[in-house]
Amino acid sequence: QVHRAGIERNLASYGIFAASERLLMELGKNGANRQEMHELIREHSLCAWAEVQAGKPNTLKQMLCEDATIRAYLQKEAIEALLDANQYIGDSPERTRKVIEEIRDVLSR
């Protein structure tokens, strides 16, 4: 059974931490120093993580969108789009196909 509400709640709270990787890559493409941006995103992430662990809403998106250093390389709209965890699926289609193949193999025995 899939608990869609739980998935959506977890994605809203935690998905942005994974999606911040997309922001880091785009900042690098736009000429930002990757190491400096990594540290900046890490610092914001640690602050947001502490808030989430304390039961507060995740404010990482707001922190990153309002950061002047990041905004020197990207507009707010681009930052928001990059941080959309719903669009950050990585290699999940490939992994899903592999799991399905394994299940079919087991069931066909």
PDB file of N, CA and C in Angstrom:
ATOM      1  N   GLN A   1       0.837  -1.171   0.000  1.00  0.00           N
ATOM      2  CA  GLN A   1       0.000   0.000   0.000  1.00  0.00           C
ATOM      3  C   GLN A   1       0.891   1.246   0.000  1.00  0.00           C
ATOM      4  N   VAL A   2       0.543   2.189  -0.827  1.00  0.00           N
ATOM      5  CA  VAL A   2       1.290   3.436  -0.948  1.00  0.00           C
ATOM      6  C   VAL A   2       0.583   4.511  -0.124  1.00  0.00           C
ATOM      7  N   HIS A   3       1.319   5.166   0.740  1.00  0.00           N
ATOM      8  CA  HIS A   3       0.775   6.243   1.566  1.00  0.00           C
ATOM      9  C   HIS A   3       1.191   7.577   0.951  1.00  0.00           C
ATOM     10  N   ARG A   4       0.398   7.979  -0.037  1.00  0.00           N
ATOM     11  CA  ARG A   4       0.724   9.163  -0.829  1.00  0.00           C
ATOM     12  C   ARG A   4       0.905  10.417   0.036  1.00  0.00           C
ATOM     13  N   ALA A   5       0.060  10.612   1.028  1.00  0.00           N
ATOM     14  CA  ALA A   5       0.166  11.806   1.879  1.00  0.00           C
ATOM     15  C   ALA A   5       1.503  11.827   2.620  1.00  0.00           C
ATOM     16  N   GLY A   6       1.925  10.671   3.097  1.00  0.00           N
ATOM     17  CA  GLY A   6       3.214  10.581   3.787  1.00  0.00           C
ATOM     18  C   GLY A   6       4.374  10.859   2.851  1.00  0.00           C
ATOM     19  N   ILE A   7       4.269  10.336   1.640  1.00  0.00           N
ATOM     20  CA  ILE A   7       5.316  10.575   0.642  1.00  0.00           C
ATOM     21  C   ILE A   7       5.409  12.064   0.331  1.00  0.00           C
ATOM     22  N   GLU A   8       4.270  12.683   0.107  1.00  0.00           N
ATOM     23  CA  GLU A   8       4.258  14.112  -0.214  1.00  0.00           C
ATOM     24  C   GLU A   8       4.784  14.951   0.948  1.00  0.00           C
ATOM     25  N   ARG A   9       4.432  14.568   2.168  1.00  0.00           N
ATOM     26  CA  ARG A   9       4.918  15.292   3.347  1.00  0.00           C
ATOM     27  C   ARG A   9       6.443  15.178   3.450  1.00  0.00           C
ATOM     28  N   ASN A  10       6.959  13.962   3.265  1.00  0.00           N
ATOM     29  CA  ASN A  10       8.410  13.758   3.331  1.00  0.00           C
ATOM     30  C   ASN A  10       9.132  14.487   2.205  1.00  0.00           C
ATOM     31  N   LEU A  11       8.555  14.451   1.021  1.00  0.00           N
ATOM     32  CA  LEU A  11       9.161  15.148  -0.115  1.00  0.00           C
ATOM     33  C   LEU A  11       9.206  16.655   0.144  1.00  0.00           C
ATOM     34  N   ALA A  12       8.124  17.193   0.698  1.00  0.00           N
ATOM     35  CA  ALA A  12       8.091  18.628   1.000  1.00  0.00           C
ATOM     36  C   ALA A  12       9.114  18.999   2.067  1.00  0.00           C
ATOM     37  N   SER A  13       9.301  18.127   3.039  1.00  0.00           N
ATOM     38  CA  SER A  13      10.230  18.430   4.134  1.00  0.00           C
ATOM     39  C   SER A  13      11.683  18.176   3.780  1.00  0.00           C
ATOM     40  N   TYR A  14      11.935  17.098   3.044  1.00  0.00           N
ATOM     41  CA  TYR A  14      13.317  16.653   2.860  1.00  0.00           C
ATOM     42  C   TYR A  14      13.818  16.664   1.416  1.00  0.00           C
ATOM     43  N   GLY A  15      12.923  16.698   0.452  1.00  0.00           N
ATOM     44  CA  GLY A  15      13.325  16.599  -0.949  1.00  0.00           C
ATOM     45  C   GLY A  15      14.253  17.698  -1.412  1.00  0.00           C
ATOM     46  N   ILE A  16      14.069  18.875  -0.884  1.00  0.00           N
ATOM     47  CA  ILE A  16      14.886  20.011  -1.306  1.00  0.00           C
ATOM     48  C   ILE A  16      16.365  19.807  -0.989  1.00  0.00           C
ATOM     49  N   PHE A  17      16.664  19.025   0.049  1.00  0.00           N
ATOM     50  CA  PHE A  17      18.067  18.786   0.382  1.00  0.00           C
ATOM     51  C   PHE A  17      18.762  18.048  -0.765  1.00  0.00           C
ATOM     52  N   ALA A  18      18.085  17.082  -1.352  1.00  0.00           N
ATOM     53  CA  ALA A  18      18.657  16.372  -2.498  1.00  0.00           C
ATOM     54  C   ALA A  18      18.656  17.257  -3.740  1.00  0.00           C
ATOM     55  N   ALA A  19      17.583  18.008  -3.924  1.00  0.00           N
ATOM     56  CA  ALA A  19      17.465  18.856  -5.110  1.00  0.00           C
ATOM     57  C   ALA A  19      18.488  19.987  -5.118  1.00  0.00           C
ATOM     58  N   SER A  20      19.049  20.321  -3.968  1.00  0.00           N
ATOM     59  CA  SER A  20      20.044  21.402  -3.936  1.00  0.00           C
ATOM     60  C   SER A  20      21.273  21.055  -4.774  1.00  0.00           C
ATOM     61  N   GLU A  21      21.466  19.777  -5.060  1.00  0.00           N
ATOM     62  CA  GLU A  21      22.569  19.368  -5.939  1.00  0.00           C
ATOM     63  C   GLU A  21      22.396  19.974  -7.333  1.00  0.00           C
ATOM     64  N   ARG A  22      21.165  20.020  -7.805  1.00  0.00           N
ATOM     65  CA  ARG A  22      20.903  20.627  -9.113  1.00  0.00           C
ATOM     66  C   ARG A  22      21.283  22.101  -9.106  1.00  0.00           C
ATOM     67  N   LEU A  23      20.977  22.780  -8.008  1.00  0.00           N
ATOM     68  CA  LEU A  23      21.341  24.190  -7.882  1.00  0.00           C
ATOM     69  C   LEU A  23      22.852  24.354  -7.942  1.00  0.00           C
ATOM     70  N   LEU A  24      23.567  23.522  -7.219  1.00  0.00           N
ATOM     71  CA  LEU A  24      25.026  23.591  -7.205  1.00  0.00           C
ATOM     72  C   LEU A  24      25.599  23.406  -8.610  1.00  0.00           C
ATOM     73  N   MET A  25      25.082  22.437  -9.350  1.00  0.00           N
ATOM     74  CA  MET A  25      25.577  22.196 -10.711  1.00  0.00           C
ATOM     75  C   MET A  25      25.320  23.399 -11.615  1.00  0.00           C
ATOM     76  N   GLU A  26      24.139  23.979 -11.496  1.00  0.00           N
ATOM     77  CA  GLU A  26      23.796  25.125 -12.345  1.00  0.00           C
ATOM     78  C   GLU A  26      24.625  26.355 -11.978  1.00  0.00           C
ATOM     79  N   LEU A  27      24.878  26.547 -10.705  1.00  0.00           N
ATOM     80  CA  LEU A  27      25.737  27.660 -10.292  1.00  0.00           C
ATOM     81  C   LEU A  27      27.127  27.519 -10.904  1.00  0.00           C
ATOM     82  N   GLY A  28      27.650  26.302 -10.900  1.00  0.00           N
ATOM     83  CA  GLY A  28      28.954  26.051 -11.509  1.00  0.00           C
ATOM     84  C   GLY A  28      28.949  26.346 -12.999  1.00  0.00           C
ATOM     85  N   LYS A  29      27.880  25.948 -13.677  1.00  0.00           N
ATOM     86  CA  LYS A  29      27.767  26.223 -15.114  1.00  0.00           C
ATOM     87  C   LYS A  29      27.738  27.722 -15.394  1.00  0.00           C
ATOM     88  N   ASN A  30      27.219  28.475 -14.433  1.00  0.00           N
ATOM     89  CA  ASN A  30      27.100  29.924 -14.615  1.00  0.00           C
ATOM     90  C   ASN A  30      28.317  30.695 -14.117  1.00  0.00           C
ATOM     91  N   GLY A  31      29.389  29.979 -13.791  1.00  0.00           N
ATOM     92  CA  GLY A  31      30.640  30.638 -13.449  1.00  0.00           C
ATOM     93  C   GLY A  31      30.962  30.773 -11.975  1.00  0.00           C
ATOM     94  N   ALA A  32      30.086  30.294 -11.116  1.00  0.00           N
ATOM     95  CA  ALA A  32      30.356  30.379  -9.676  1.00  0.00           C
ATOM     96  C   ALA A  32      31.417  29.358  -9.282  1.00  0.00           C
ATOM     97  N   ASN A  33      32.155  29.664  -8.227  1.00  0.00           N
ATOM     98  CA  ASN A  33      33.149  28.736  -7.696  1.00  0.00           C
ATOM     99  C   ASN A  33      32.411  27.596  -7.010  1.00  0.00           C
ATOM    100  N   ARG A  34      32.600  26.385  -7.522  1.00  0.00           N
ATOM    101  CA  ARG A  34      31.849  25.242  -7.027  1.00  0.00           C
ATOM    102  C   ARG A  34      32.066  25.013  -5.540  1.00  0.00           C
ATOM    103  N   GLN A  35      33.293  25.101  -5.082  1.00  0.00           N
ATOM    104  CA  GLN A  35      33.584  24.841  -3.670  1.00  0.00           C
ATOM    105  C   GLN A  35      32.935  25.885  -2.763  1.00  0.00           C
ATOM    106  N   GLU A  36      32.990  27.145  -3.178  1.00  0.00           N
ATOM    107  CA  GLU A  36      32.357  28.202  -2.385  1.00  0.00           C
ATOM    108  C   GLU A  36      30.845  28.022  -2.337  1.00  0.00           C
ATOM    109  N   MET A  37      30.257  27.676  -3.469  1.00  0.00           N
ATOM    110  CA  MET A  37      28.811  27.470  -3.514  1.00  0.00           C
ATOM    111  C   MET A  37      28.408  26.244  -2.693  1.00  0.00           C
ATOM    112  N   HIS A  38      29.231  25.205  -2.753  1.00  0.00           N
ATOM    113  CA  HIS A  38      28.955  24.003  -1.958  1.00  0.00           C
ATOM    114  C   HIS A  38      28.903  24.360  -0.476  1.00  0.00           C
ATOM    115  N   GLU A  39      29.867  25.138  -0.026  1.00  0.00           N
ATOM    116  CA  GLU A  39      29.913  25.526   1.391  1.00  0.00           C
ATOM    117  C   GLU A  39      28.718  26.404   1.753  1.00  0.00           C
ATOM    118  N   LEU A  40      28.362  27.306   0.878  1.00  0.00           N
ATOM    119  CA  LEU A  40      27.232  28.192   1.120  1.00  0.00           C
ATOM    120  C   LEU A  40      25.929  27.400   1.230  1.00  0.00           C
ATOM    121  N   ILE A  41      25.716  26.493   0.288  1.00  0.00           N
ATOM    122  CA  ILE A  41      24.512  25.656   0.312  1.00  0.00           C
ATOM    123  C   ILE A  41      24.518  24.756   1.544  1.00  0.00           C
ATOM    124  N   ARG A  42      25.679  24.236   1.900  1.00  0.00           N
ATOM    125  CA  ARG A  42      25.793  23.369   3.077  1.00  0.00           C
ATOM    126  C   ARG A  42      25.402  24.129   4.342  1.00  0.00           C
ATOM    127  N   GLU A  43      25.887  25.356   4.476  1.00  0.00           N
ATOM    128  CA  GLU A  43      25.561  26.160   5.659  1.00  0.00           C
ATOM    129  C   GLU A  43      24.061  26.421   5.758  1.00  0.00           C
ATOM    130  N   HIS A  44      23.454  26.801   4.641  1.00  0.00           N
ATOM    131  CA  HIS A  44      22.000  27.018   4.637  1.00  0.00           C
ATOM    132  C   HIS A  44      21.268  25.708   4.941  1.00  0.00           C
ATOM    133  N   SER A  45      21.757  24.615   4.378  1.00  0.00           N
ATOM    134  CA  SER A  45      21.118  23.314   4.591  1.00  0.00           C
ATOM    135  C   SER A  45      21.156  22.903   6.055  1.00  0.00           C
ATOM    136  N   LEU A  46      22.272  23.140   6.711  1.00  0.00           N
ATOM    137  CA  LEU A  46      22.382  22.793   8.130  1.00  0.00           C
ATOM    138  C   LEU A  46      21.406  23.607   8.977  1.00  0.00           C
ATOM    139  N   CYS A  47      21.240  24.872   8.656  1.00  0.00           N
ATOM    140  CA  CYS A  47      20.267  25.710   9.375  1.00  0.00           C
ATOM    141  C   CYS A  47      18.846  25.200   9.151  1.00  0.00           C
ATOM    142  N   ALA A  48      18.531  24.904   7.899  1.00  0.00           N
ATOM    143  CA  ALA A  48      17.193  24.408   7.575  1.00  0.00           C
ATOM    144  C   ALA A  48      16.948  23.046   8.218  1.00  0.00           C
ATOM    145  N   TRP A  49      17.959  22.187   8.209  1.00  0.00           N
ATOM    146  CA  TRP A  49      17.836  20.858   8.809  1.00  0.00           C
ATOM    147  C   TRP A  49      17.499  20.973  10.297  1.00  0.00           C
ATOM    148  N   ALA A  50      18.167  21.882  10.984  1.00  0.00           N
ATOM    149  CA  ALA A  50      17.904  22.080  12.412  1.00  0.00           C
ATOM    150  C   ALA A  50      16.456  22.522  12.631  1.00  0.00           C
ATOM    151  N   GLU A  51      15.956  23.382  11.762  1.00  0.00           N
ATOM    152  CA  GLU A  51      14.565  23.822  11.876  1.00  0.00           C
ATOM    153  C   GLU A  51      13.598  22.668  11.662  1.00  0.00           C
ATOM    154  N   VAL A  52      13.848  21.867  10.639  1.00  0.00           N
ATOM    155  CA  VAL A  52      12.978  20.725  10.347  1.00  0.00           C
ATOM    156  C   VAL A  52      12.990  19.746  11.516  1.00  0.00           C
ATOM    157  N   GLN A  53      14.163  19.486  12.063  1.00  0.00           N
ATOM    158  CA  GLN A  53      14.264  18.559  13.188  1.00  0.00           C
ATOM    159  C   GLN A  53      13.550  19.093  14.430  1.00  0.00           C
ATOM    160  N   ALA A  54      13.404  20.408  14.522  1.00  0.00           N
ATOM    161  CA  ALA A  54      12.694  21.025  15.644  1.00  0.00           C
ATOM    162  C   ALA A  54      11.190  21.120  15.378  1.00  0.00           C
ATOM    163  N   GLY A  55      10.746  20.535  14.257  1.00  0.00           N
ATOM    164  CA  GLY A  55       9.326  20.526  13.933  1.00  0.00           C
ATOM    165  C   GLY A  55       8.839  21.756  13.191  1.00  0.00           C
ATOM    166  N   LYS A  56       9.754  22.579  12.740  1.00  0.00           N
ATOM    167  CA  LYS A  56       9.391  23.789  12.009  1.00  0.00           C
ATOM    168  C   LYS A  56       9.399  23.509  10.510  1.00  0.00           C
ATOM    169  N   PRO A  57       8.785  24.387   9.721  1.00  0.00           N
ATOM    170  CA  PRO A  57       8.804  24.214   8.262  1.00  0.00           C
ATOM    171  C   PRO A  57      10.223  24.354   7.708  1.00  0.00           C
ATOM    172  N   ASN A  58      10.456  23.712   6.588  1.00  0.00           N
ATOM    173  CA  ASN A  58      11.750  23.786   5.917  1.00  0.00           C
ATOM    174  C   ASN A  58      11.830  25.110   5.153  1.00  0.00           C
ATOM    175  N   THR A  59      12.766  25.953   5.533  1.00  0.00           N
ATOM    176  CA  THR A  59      12.915  27.272   4.897  1.00  0.00           C
ATOM    177  C   THR A  59      14.131  27.339   3.970  1.00  0.00           C
ATOM    178  N   LEU A  60      14.655  26.183   3.588  1.00  0.00           N
ATOM    179  CA  LEU A  60      15.854  26.178   2.751  1.00  0.00           C
ATOM    180  C   LEU A  60      15.632  26.919   1.438  1.00  0.00           C
ATOM    181  N   LYS A  61      14.493  26.714   0.810  1.00  0.00           N
ATOM    182  CA  LYS A  61      14.235  27.394  -0.462  1.00  0.00           C
ATOM    183  C   LYS A  61      14.302  28.911  -0.291  1.00  0.00           C
ATOM    184  N   GLN A  62      13.669  29.421   0.755  1.00  0.00           N
ATOM    185  CA  GLN A  62      13.689  30.861   0.988  1.00  0.00           C
ATOM    186  C   GLN A  62      15.113  31.350   1.234  1.00  0.00           C
ATOM    187  N   MET A  63      15.864  30.612   2.039  1.00  0.00           N
ATOM    188  CA  MET A  63      17.242  31.022   2.333  1.00  0.00           C
ATOM    189  C   MET A  63      18.076  31.095   1.062  1.00  0.00           C
ATOM    190  N   LEU A  64      17.952  30.080   0.212  1.00  0.00           N
ATOM    191  CA  LEU A  64      18.754  30.036  -1.009  1.00  0.00           C
ATOM    192  C   LEU A  64      18.296  31.093  -2.011  1.00  0.00           C
ATOM    193  N   CYS A  65      16.987  31.287  -2.117  1.00  0.00           N
ATOM    194  CA  CYS A  65      16.461  32.283  -3.056  1.00  0.00           C
ATOM    195  C   CYS A  65      16.818  33.708  -2.649  1.00  0.00           C
ATOM    196  N   GLU A  66      17.010  33.930  -1.366  1.00  0.00           N
ATOM    197  CA  GLU A  66      17.312  35.277  -0.874  1.00  0.00           C
ATOM    198  C   GLU A  66      18.807  35.535  -0.718  1.00  0.00           C
ATOM    199  N   ASP A  67      19.631  34.530  -0.940  1.00  0.00           N
ATOM    200  CA  ASP A  67      21.071  34.688  -0.756  1.00  0.00           C
ATOM    201  C   ASP A  67      21.653  35.518  -1.908  1.00  0.00           C
ATOM    202  N   ALA A  68      22.273  36.638  -1.568  1.00  0.00           N
ATOM    203  CA  ALA A  68      22.800  37.562  -2.582  1.00  0.00           C
ATOM    204  C   ALA A  68      23.907  36.934  -3.424  1.00  0.00           C
ATOM    205  N   THR A  69      24.716  36.083  -2.834  1.00  0.00           N
ATOM    206  CA  THR A  69      25.801  35.441  -3.583  1.00  0.00           C
ATOM    207  C   THR A  69      25.233  34.526  -4.656  1.00  0.00           C
ATOM    208  N   ILE A  70      24.232  33.755  -4.309  1.00  0.00           N
ATOM    209  CA  ILE A  70      23.586  32.864  -5.279  1.00  0.00           C
ATOM    210  C   ILE A  70      22.847  33.683  -6.325  1.00  0.00           C
ATOM    211  N   ARG A  71      22.170  34.740  -5.880  1.00  0.00           N
ATOM    212  CA  ARG A  71      21.398  35.573  -6.799  1.00  0.00           C
ATOM    213  C   ARG A  71      22.284  36.304  -7.800  1.00  0.00           C
ATOM    214  N   ALA A  72      23.563  36.402  -7.529  1.00  0.00           N
ATOM    215  CA  ALA A  72      24.474  37.013  -8.497  1.00  0.00           C
ATOM    216  C   ALA A  72      24.618  36.140  -9.739  1.00  0.00           C
ATOM    217  N   TYR A  73      24.264  34.860  -9.621  1.00  0.00           N
ATOM    218  CA  TYR A  73      24.416  33.916 -10.732  1.00  0.00           C
ATOM    219  C   TYR A  73      23.087  33.430 -11.304  1.00  0.00           C
ATOM    220  N   LEU A  74      22.027  33.477 -10.504  1.00  0.00           N
ATOM    221  CA  LEU A  74      20.736  32.954 -10.948  1.00  0.00           C
ATOM    222  C   LEU A  74      19.591  33.820 -10.443  1.00  0.00           C
ATOM    223  N   GLN A  75      18.561  33.937 -11.262  1.00  0.00           N
ATOM    224  CA  GLN A  75      17.345  34.628 -10.853  1.00  0.00           C
ATOM    225  C   GLN A  75      16.548  33.745  -9.888  1.00  0.00           C
ATOM    226  N   LYS A  76      15.706  34.376  -9.095  1.00  0.00           N
ATOM    227  CA  LYS A  76      14.900  33.659  -8.106  1.00  0.00           C
ATOM    228  C   LYS A  76      14.074  32.549  -8.749  1.00  0.00           C
ATOM    229  N   GLU A  77      13.475  32.823  -9.891  1.00  0.00           N
ATOM    230  CA  GLU A  77      12.627  31.833 -10.560  1.00  0.00           C
ATOM    231  C   GLU A  77      13.427  30.597 -10.951  1.00  0.00           C
ATOM    232  N   ALA A  78      14.646  30.803 -11.414  1.00  0.00           N
ATOM    233  CA  ALA A  78      15.503  29.674 -11.791  1.00  0.00           C
ATOM    234  C   ALA A  78      15.891  28.860 -10.563  1.00  0.00           C
ATOM    235  N   ILE A  79      16.185  29.543  -9.474  1.00  0.00           N
ATOM    236  CA  ILE A  79      16.538  28.851  -8.233  1.00  0.00           C
ATOM    237  C   ILE A  79      15.367  27.996  -7.770  1.00  0.00           C
ATOM    238  N   GLU A  80      14.177  28.579  -7.771  1.00  0.00           N
ATOM    239  CA  GLU A  80      12.983  27.840  -7.349  1.00  0.00           C
ATOM    240  C   GLU A  80      12.756  26.609  -8.218  1.00  0.00           C
ATOM    241  N   ALA A  81      12.920  26.758  -9.524  1.00  0.00           N
ATOM    242  CA  ALA A  81      12.722  25.624 -10.432  1.00  0.00           C
ATOM    243  C   ALA A  81      13.746  24.525 -10.172  1.00  0.00           C
ATOM    244  N   LEU A  82      14.985  24.905  -9.953  1.00  0.00           N
ATOM    245  CA  LEU A  82      16.032  23.918  -9.690  1.00  0.00           C
ATOM    246  C   LEU A  82      15.804  23.183  -8.373  1.00  0.00           C
ATOM    247  N   LEU A  83      15.180  23.837  -7.422  1.00  0.00           N
ATOM    248  CA  LEU A  83      14.956  23.237  -6.107  1.00  0.00           C
ATOM    249  C   LEU A  83      13.658  22.444  -6.016  1.00  0.00           C
ATOM    250  N   ASP A  84      12.932  22.348  -7.114  1.00  0.00           N
ATOM    251  CA  ASP A  84      11.680  21.586  -7.121  1.00  0.00           C
ATOM    252  C   ASP A  84      12.002  20.098  -7.075  1.00  0.00           C
ATOM    253  N   ALA A  85      11.852  19.513  -5.912  1.00  0.00           N
ATOM    254  CA  ALA A  85      12.198  18.101  -5.721  1.00  0.00           C
ATOM    255  C   ALA A  85      11.310  17.178  -6.546  1.00  0.00           C
ATOM    256  N   ASN A  86      10.134  17.646  -6.937  1.00  0.00           N
ATOM    257  CA  ASN A  86       9.258  16.820  -7.766  1.00  0.00           C
ATOM    258  C   ASN A  86       9.863  16.563  -9.141  1.00  0.00           C
ATOM    259  N   GLN A  87      10.776  17.431  -9.564  1.00  0.00           N
ATOM    260  CA  GLN A  87      11.427  17.272 -10.862  1.00  0.00           C
ATOM    261  C   GLN A  87      12.783  16.590 -10.753  1.00  0.00           C
ATOM    262  N   TYR A  88      13.171  16.242  -9.554  1.00  0.00           N
ATOM    263  CA  TYR A  88      14.490  15.656  -9.314  1.00  0.00           C
ATOM    264  C   TYR A  88      14.337  14.154  -9.134  1.00  0.00           C
ATOM    265  N   ILE A  89      14.318  13.449 -10.244  1.00  0.00           N
ATOM    266  CA  ILE A  89      14.077  12.011 -10.168  1.00  0.00           C
ATOM    267  C   ILE A  89      15.339  11.190 -10.362  1.00  0.00           C
ATOM    268  N   GLY A  90      16.415  11.856 -10.758  1.00  0.00           N
ATOM    269  CA  GLY A  90      17.683  11.133 -10.899  1.00  0.00           C
ATOM    270  C   GLY A  90      17.562   9.914 -11.787  1.00  0.00           C
ATOM    271  N   ASP A  91      18.095   8.793 -11.314  1.00  0.00           N
ATOM    272  CA  ASP A  91      18.069   7.561 -12.102  1.00  0.00           C
ATOM    273  C   ASP A  91      16.938   6.636 -11.665  1.00  0.00           C
ATOM    274  N   SER A  92      15.894   7.195 -11.039  1.00  0.00           N
ATOM    275  CA  SER A  92      14.804   6.344 -10.556  1.00  0.00           C
ATOM    276  C   SER A  92      14.094   5.563 -11.662  1.00  0.00           C
ATOM    277  N   PRO A  93      13.913   6.095 -12.890  1.00  0.00           N
ATOM    278  CA  PRO A  93      13.289   5.263 -13.925  1.00  0.00           C
ATOM    279  C   PRO A  93      14.112   4.004 -14.221  1.00  0.00           C
ATOM    280  N   GLU A  94      15.427   4.165 -14.293  1.00  0.00           N
ATOM    281  CA  GLU A  94      16.302   3.016 -14.552  1.00  0.00           C
ATOM    282  C   GLU A  94      16.251   2.016 -13.393  1.00  0.00           C
ATOM    283  N   ARG A  95      16.288   2.510 -12.188  1.00  0.00           N
ATOM    284  CA  ARG A  95      16.228   1.629 -11.011  1.00  0.00           C
ATOM    285  C   ARG A  95      14.893   0.890 -10.953  1.00  0.00           C
ATOM    286  N   THR A  96      13.820   1.596 -11.271  1.00  0.00           N
ATOM    287  CA  THR A  96      12.492   0.983 -11.258  1.00  0.00           C
ATOM    288  C   THR A  96      12.412  -0.142 -12.273  1.00  0.00           C
ATOM    289  N   ARG A  97      12.923   0.096 -13.480  1.00  0.00           N
ATOM    290  CA  ARG A  97      12.914  -0.962 -14.499  1.00  0.00           C
ATOM    291  C   ARG A  97      13.700  -2.180 -14.028  1.00  0.00           C
ATOM    292  N   LYS A  98      14.823  -1.950 -13.376  1.00  0.00           N
ATOM    293  CA  LYS A  98      15.652  -3.051 -12.883  1.00  0.00           C
ATOM    294  C   LYS A  98      14.906  -3.862 -11.822  1.00  0.00           C
ATOM    295  N   VAL A  99      14.250  -3.189 -10.897  1.00  0.00           N
ATOM    296  CA  VAL A  99      13.486  -3.887  -9.856  1.00  0.00           C
ATOM    297  C   VAL A  99      12.353  -4.686 -10.481  1.00  0.00           C
ATOM    298  N   ILE A 100      11.672  -4.097 -11.444  1.00  0.00           N
ATOM    299  CA  ILE A 100      10.579  -4.807 -12.119  1.00  0.00           C
ATOM    300  C   ILE A 100      11.103  -6.059 -12.806  1.00  0.00           C
ATOM    301  N   GLU A 101      12.241  -5.953 -13.477  1.00  0.00           N
ATOM    302  CA  GLU A 101      12.841  -7.125 -14.126  1.00  0.00           C
ATOM    303  C   GLU A 101      13.163  -8.211 -13.109  1.00  0.00           C
ATOM    304  N   GLU A 102      13.723  -7.822 -11.969  1.00  0.00           N
ATOM    305  CA  GLU A 102      14.061  -8.795 -10.934  1.00  0.00           C
ATOM    306  C   GLU A 102      12.812  -9.470 -10.380  1.00  0.00           C
ATOM    307  N   ILE A 103      11.759  -8.708 -10.178  1.00  0.00           N
ATOM    308  CA  ILE A 103      10.504  -9.278  -9.681  1.00  0.00           C
ATOM    309  C   ILE A 103       9.931 -10.244 -10.702  1.00  0.00           C
ATOM    310  N   ARG A 104       9.950  -9.857 -11.963  1.00  0.00           N
ATOM    311  CA  ARG A 104       9.431 -10.742 -13.012  1.00  0.00           C
ATOM    312  C   ARG A 104      10.232 -12.034 -13.082  1.00  0.00           C
ATOM    313  N   ASP A 105      11.550 -11.936 -12.926  1.00  0.00           N
ATOM    314  CA  ASP A 105      12.384 -13.143 -12.923  1.00  0.00           C
ATOM    315  C   ASP A 105      11.993 -14.077 -11.790  1.00  0.00           C
ATOM    316  N   VAL A 106      11.800 -13.527 -10.609  1.00  0.00           N
ATOM    317  CA  VAL A 106      11.426 -14.346  -9.448  1.00  0.00           C
ATOM    318  C   VAL A 106      10.053 -14.965  -9.655  1.00  0.00           C
ATOM    319  N   LEU A 107       9.114 -14.196 -10.165  1.00  0.00           N
ATOM    320  CA  LEU A 107       7.756 -14.698 -10.362  1.00  0.00           C
ATOM    321  C   LEU A 107       7.664 -15.743 -11.467  1.00  0.00           C
ATOM    322  N   SER A 108       8.563 -15.691 -12.418  1.00  0.00           N
ATOM    323  CA  SER A 108       8.509 -16.645 -13.536  1.00  0.00           C
ATOM    324  C   SER A 108       9.108 -17.997 -13.179  1.00  0.00           C
ATOM    325  N   ARG A 109       9.723 -18.138 -12.035  1.00  0.00           N
ATOM    326  CA  ARG A 109      10.345 -19.404 -11.631  1.00  0.00           C
ATOM    327  C   ARG A 109       9.338 -20.386 -11.130  1.00  0.00           C
TER     328      ARG A 109
END
